[in-house]
Amino acid sequence: MKPLVPVSPGTRIVLGIAFFVVFVAAWALATFGGFVSATFLADPLTMVQSGWRLLAEMGFAKDIGMTVWRVVGGFVIAAVIAVPLGVAMGAYKPVEAFFEPFVSFARYLPASAFIPLLILWAGIGEAQKLAVIFIGSFFSLVLMISVTVGNTRRDLVEAAYTLGVSDRGLVRRVLVPGAAPEIAEQLRMVLGWAWTYVIVAELIGASSGIGHMITDSQALLATDQIIFGIIVIGAIGLVSDLLFKWANQRLFPWAQLSR
């Protein structure tokens, strides 16, 4: 191994799978070997059996669908508003001066702290859960996009003006295309954050969703079901992350060559 030297795609896949194999082996050794009580940590086999029962008999697939819908809905609403606002803040300094103090303040506010107020304002329906995801994703996304657009190379800006581009054309033809690959990566990262917010929202005042199942399982000390729910969240998140990476590589191939 050498610092910063990339590995082949095949080697990357093998090493990634190897970690999961080692992790499951250590988990099985700790549980089947009697080092950890089943009350605190279920073994892998029991977890798989409970997961199958949840899917086949207890309608857990519907809970998964509800959670995915909430994540996608809240994230899309946040992205649709955050992307143009972030671009405007990065491109126009008066807009940045107006919004940046509040956005910087709001991004430090934990989304979970708003849940009591959101339940009071919107009840315990879907609007409350979408609002939690929106609050948790929106402000950080706006600031990240603003910084990315504002850091556009000045030589590109000067060259565009030299060629006679207008102010609006500069934003449309230089700033946005130049920042687009990094903005896509930021959307990918924030989508991962959205999963943590939806589970928090479902732990309180929800009648469906993965978080609701985990809460019910906690009351029964069903660690097998809790672990299965956590693994499902991780698996869906991993799939969505890989899809985002694949889409980014297809949409912005020049960004991959510069890395």
Protein backbone atom coordinates (compact mmCIF):
# COMPACT_ATOMS: atom_id res chain seq x y z
CA MET A 1 0.00 0.00 0.00
CA LYS A 2 1.15 3.51 -0.85
CA PRO A 3 -0.52 6.78 0.18
CA LEU A 4 -3.14 8.06 -2.31
CA VAL A 5 -2.44 5.27 -4.80
CA PRO A 6 -5.81 3.96 -6.09
CA VAL A 7 -6.73 0.30 -6.21
CA SER A 8 -8.46 -1.49 -9.06
CA PRO A 9 -12.28 -1.73 -9.03
CA GLY A 10 -12.09 -5.48 -8.50
CA THR A 11 -9.77 -5.15 -5.53
CA ARG A 12 -12.02 -2.47 -4.04
CA ILE A 13 -15.04 -4.78 -4.25
CA VAL A 14 -13.14 -7.70 -2.71
CA LEU A 15 -11.84 -5.59 0.18
CA GLY A 16 -15.29 -4.11 0.79
CA ILE A 17 -16.90 -7.55 0.95
CA ALA A 18 -14.06 -8.83 3.15
CA PHE A 19 -14.88 -6.26 5.82
CA PHE A 20 -18.50 -7.42 6.02
CA VAL A 21 -17.35 -11.05 6.25
CA VAL A 22 -15.00 -10.23 9.12
CA PHE A 23 -17.69 -8.17 10.86
CA VAL A 24 -20.32 -10.93 10.67
CA ALA A 25 -17.76 -13.51 11.79
CA ALA A 26 -16.89 -11.44 14.86
CA TRP A 27 -20.60 -10.93 15.58
CA ALA A 28 -21.26 -14.68 15.29
CA LEU A 29 -18.30 -15.49 17.54
CA ALA A 30 -19.49 -13.06 20.21
CA THR A 31 -23.08 -14.37 20.21
CA PHE A 32 -22.80 -18.09 19.45
CA GLY A 33 -19.76 -18.29 21.71
CA GLY A 34 -21.78 -17.02 24.63
CA PHE A 35 -19.66 -13.91 25.19
CA VAL A 36 -22.73 -11.65 24.86
CA SER A 37 -26.21 -12.42 26.17
CA ALA A 38 -28.99 -12.79 23.59
CA THR A 39 -30.99 -10.24 25.61
CA PHE A 40 -28.50 -7.56 24.58
CA LEU A 41 -27.42 -8.81 21.15
CA ALA A 42 -29.16 -11.41 18.99
CA ASP A 43 -27.06 -13.75 16.88
CA PRO A 44 -26.99 -13.41 13.06
CA LEU A 45 -29.16 -16.50 12.42
CA THR A 46 -31.91 -15.36 14.77
CA MET A 47 -31.78 -11.90 13.22
CA VAL A 48 -32.26 -13.32 9.72
CA GLN A 49 -35.15 -15.51 10.85
CA SER A 50 -36.85 -12.57 12.57
CA GLY A 51 -36.31 -10.40 9.50
CA TRP A 52 -37.98 -12.97 7.28
CA ARG A 53 -40.90 -13.19 9.69
CA LEU A 54 -41.24 -9.39 9.70
CA LEU A 55 -41.35 -9.31 5.90
CA ALA A 56 -43.53 -12.39 5.34
CA GLU A 57 -45.99 -12.14 8.22
CA MET A 58 -45.95 -8.66 9.76
CA GLY A 59 -46.05 -6.36 6.74
CA PHE A 60 -42.62 -4.84 7.29
CA ALA A 61 -42.27 -4.21 3.55
CA LYS A 62 -44.95 -1.53 3.88
CA ASP A 63 -42.99 0.10 6.69
CA ILE A 64 -39.89 0.12 4.49
CA GLY A 65 -41.86 1.71 1.66
CA MET A 66 -43.22 4.43 3.94
CA THR A 67 -39.76 5.29 5.24
CA VAL A 68 -38.27 5.43 1.74
CA TRP A 69 -41.14 7.67 0.59
CA ARG A 70 -40.56 10.05 3.50
CA VAL A 71 -36.83 10.24 2.88
CA VAL A 72 -37.24 10.87 -0.84
CA GLY A 73 -40.07 13.35 -0.34
CA GLY A 74 -38.35 15.45 2.30
CA PHE A 75 -35.00 15.34 0.52
CA VAL A 76 -36.44 16.33 -2.87
CA ILE A 77 -38.32 19.27 -1.36
CA ALA A 78 -35.14 20.44 0.37
CA ALA A 79 -33.02 20.02 -2.78
CA VAL A 80 -35.48 21.77 -5.10
CA ILE A 81 -35.33 24.89 -2.91
CA ALA A 82 -31.73 24.64 -1.70
CA VAL A 83 -30.01 24.28 -5.08
CA PRO A 84 -31.24 27.53 -6.68
CA LEU A 85 -30.89 29.44 -3.41
CA GLY A 86 -27.35 28.13 -2.89
CA VAL A 87 -26.40 29.02 -6.48
CA ALA A 88 -27.82 32.53 -6.02
CA MET A 89 -25.91 33.00 -2.76
CA GLY A 90 -22.67 31.79 -4.30
CA ALA A 91 -23.04 33.91 -7.43
CA TYR A 92 -24.38 37.16 -5.98
CA LYS A 93 -22.72 38.55 -2.87
CA PRO A 94 -25.68 40.75 -1.79
CA VAL A 95 -27.89 37.63 -1.75
CA GLU A 96 -25.23 35.83 0.27
CA ALA A 97 -24.98 38.73 2.72
CA PHE A 98 -28.76 38.65 3.22
CA PHE A 99 -29.25 34.90 3.72
CA GLU A 100 -25.90 33.59 5.00
CA PRO A 101 -26.14 34.72 8.66
CA PHE A 102 -29.50 33.03 9.14
CA VAL A 103 -28.56 29.90 7.19
CA SER A 104 -25.33 29.55 9.20
CA PHE A 105 -27.33 29.94 12.40
CA ALA A 106 -30.08 27.52 11.39
CA ARG A 107 -27.79 24.71 10.26
CA TYR A 108 -26.57 24.24 13.83
CA LEU A 109 -30.10 23.69 15.13
CA PRO A 110 -30.79 19.96 15.57
CA ALA A 111 -33.79 18.85 13.53
CA SER A 112 -34.93 16.58 16.36
CA ALA A 113 -35.41 19.62 18.62
CA PHE A 114 -38.18 20.82 16.29
CA ILE A 115 -40.23 17.63 16.59
CA PRO A 116 -42.41 18.82 19.53
CA LEU A 117 -43.18 22.06 17.70
CA LEU A 118 -43.80 20.30 14.40
CA ILE A 119 -46.20 17.88 16.08
CA LEU A 120 -48.01 20.88 17.56
CA TRP A 121 -48.15 22.67 14.21
CA ALA A 122 -48.63 19.78 11.77
CA GLY A 123 -49.78 16.86 13.93
CA ILE A 124 -48.23 13.41 13.67
CA GLY A 125 -48.96 12.91 9.98
CA GLU A 126 -46.64 12.90 7.01
CA ALA A 127 -46.17 16.67 6.95
CA GLN A 128 -44.39 16.55 10.30
CA LYS A 129 -41.96 13.88 9.16
CA LEU A 130 -41.24 15.58 5.85
CA ALA A 131 -40.62 18.82 7.75
CA VAL A 132 -38.04 17.16 10.03
CA ILE A 133 -36.13 15.84 7.00
CA PHE A 134 -36.39 19.22 5.28
CA ILE A 135 -35.01 21.10 8.29
CA GLY A 136 -32.19 18.62 8.75
CA SER A 137 -31.15 18.74 5.09
CA PHE A 138 -31.97 22.18 3.75
CA PHE A 139 -29.72 24.60 5.59
CA SER A 140 -26.50 22.58 5.34
CA LEU A 141 -27.17 21.93 1.67
CA VAL A 142 -27.70 25.63 0.92
CA LEU A 143 -24.43 26.61 2.58
CA MET A 144 -22.42 23.84 0.92
CA ILE A 145 -23.72 24.75 -2.53
CA SER A 146 -23.12 28.45 -1.91
CA VAL A 147 -19.48 27.83 -0.99
CA THR A 148 -18.97 25.56 -4.00
CA VAL A 149 -20.36 28.08 -6.48
CA GLY A 150 -18.47 30.93 -4.83
CA ASN A 151 -15.18 29.03 -5.19
CA THR A 152 -15.40 28.84 -8.98
CA ARG A 153 -12.00 29.45 -10.54
CA ARG A 154 -11.54 33.15 -11.24
CA ASP A 155 -9.63 32.53 -14.47
CA LEU A 156 -12.74 30.86 -15.90
CA VAL A 157 -14.86 33.82 -14.88
CA GLU A 158 -12.44 36.31 -16.40
CA ALA A 159 -12.16 34.30 -19.60
CA ALA A 160 -15.95 34.19 -19.92
CA TYR A 161 -16.23 37.96 -19.49
CA THR A 162 -13.44 38.45 -22.03
CA LEU A 163 -15.47 36.42 -24.52
CA GLY A 164 -18.46 38.70 -23.92
CA VAL A 165 -20.72 36.61 -21.71
CA SER A 166 -23.45 38.44 -19.80
CA ASP A 167 -23.91 38.27 -16.04
CA ARG A 168 -26.81 35.87 -16.40
CA GLY A 169 -24.90 33.86 -18.97
CA LEU A 170 -21.95 33.60 -16.58
CA VAL A 171 -24.15 31.92 -13.99
CA ARG A 172 -25.84 29.63 -16.51
CA ARG A 173 -22.82 28.67 -18.63
CA VAL A 174 -19.86 28.86 -16.22
CA LEU A 175 -20.77 28.87 -12.53
CA VAL A 176 -23.47 26.19 -12.57
CA PRO A 177 -21.72 23.72 -14.95
CA GLY A 178 -18.44 24.16 -13.09
CA ALA A 179 -20.02 23.50 -9.70
CA ALA A 180 -22.47 20.80 -10.83
CA PRO A 181 -20.27 17.72 -10.13
CA GLU A 182 -19.50 18.86 -6.59
CA ILE A 183 -23.13 19.84 -6.00
CA ALA A 184 -24.14 16.32 -7.04
CA GLU A 185 -21.69 14.87 -4.51
CA GLN A 186 -23.11 17.14 -1.83
CA LEU A 187 -26.63 15.97 -2.62
CA ARG A 188 -25.39 12.39 -2.25
CA MET A 189 -23.93 13.13 1.18
CA VAL A 190 -26.99 14.99 2.45
CA LEU A 191 -29.25 12.15 1.30
CA GLY A 192 -27.39 9.98 3.80
CA TRP A 193 -28.10 12.52 6.54
CA ALA A 194 -31.79 12.47 5.62
CA TRP A 195 -31.96 8.81 6.68
CA THR A 196 -30.94 9.69 10.23
CA TYR A 197 -33.57 12.41 10.42
CA VAL A 198 -36.43 10.21 9.19
CA ILE A 199 -35.69 7.53 11.79
CA VAL A 200 -35.70 10.16 14.53
CA ALA A 201 -39.01 11.47 13.21
CA GLU A 202 -40.50 7.96 13.18
CA LEU A 203 -39.41 7.20 16.72
CA ILE A 204 -41.97 9.72 18.00
CA GLY A 205 -45.61 9.83 17.01
CA ALA A 206 -45.49 7.39 14.09
CA SER A 207 -47.71 4.42 13.31
CA SER A 208 -45.61 3.08 10.43
CA GLY A 209 -42.05 3.07 9.15
CA ILE A 210 -38.78 1.43 10.10
CA GLY A 211 -38.32 3.73 13.10
CA HIS A 212 -41.78 2.77 14.38
CA MET A 213 -40.89 -0.92 14.13
CA ILE A 214 -37.64 -0.33 16.02
CA THR A 215 -39.52 1.48 18.80
CA ASP A 216 -42.02 -1.38 19.15
CA SER A 217 -39.19 -3.92 19.17
CA GLN A 218 -37.39 -2.01 21.92
CA ALA A 219 -40.43 -2.38 24.18
CA LEU A 220 -40.27 -6.15 23.62
CA LEU A 221 -36.47 -6.34 24.02
CA ALA A 222 -36.42 -7.86 20.51
CA THR A 223 -32.84 -7.05 19.59
CA ASP A 224 -33.07 -9.34 16.57
CA GLN A 225 -35.77 -7.15 15.02
CA ILE A 226 -33.97 -3.93 15.97
CA ILE A 227 -30.77 -5.13 14.31
CA PHE A 228 -32.67 -6.22 11.21
CA GLY A 229 -34.27 -2.77 10.93
CA ILE A 230 -30.87 -1.10 11.25
CA ILE A 231 -29.40 -3.39 8.59
CA VAL A 232 -32.28 -2.62 6.23
CA ILE A 233 -31.62 1.10 6.64
CA GLY A 234 -27.94 0.59 5.90
CA ALA A 235 -28.66 -1.61 2.87
CA ILE A 236 -31.09 0.87 1.33
CA GLY A 237 -28.70 3.72 2.04
CA LEU A 238 -25.83 1.82 0.41
CA VAL A 239 -27.91 1.09 -2.70
CA SER A 240 -29.01 4.72 -3.00
CA ASP A 241 -25.42 5.87 -2.54
CA LEU A 242 -24.17 3.56 -5.29
CA LEU A 243 -26.96 4.74 -7.61
CA PHE A 244 -26.03 8.36 -6.91
CA LYS A 245 -22.36 7.61 -7.67
CA TRP A 246 -23.31 5.82 -10.89
CA ALA A 247 -25.51 8.73 -12.01
CA ASN A 248 -22.80 11.27 -11.18
CA GLN A 249 -20.23 9.33 -13.21
CA ARG A 250 -22.57 9.29 -16.21
CA LEU A 251 -23.61 12.94 -15.93
CA PHE A 252 -20.18 14.41 -15.11
CA PRO A 253 -17.47 12.14 -16.60
CA TRP A 254 -14.94 14.99 -16.74
CA ALA A 255 -15.08 15.33 -12.95
CA GLN A 256 -13.93 11.71 -12.57
CA LEU A 257 -10.91 12.32 -14.80
CA SER A 258 -9.75 15.28 -12.71
CA ARG A 259 -9.60 13.24 -9.48
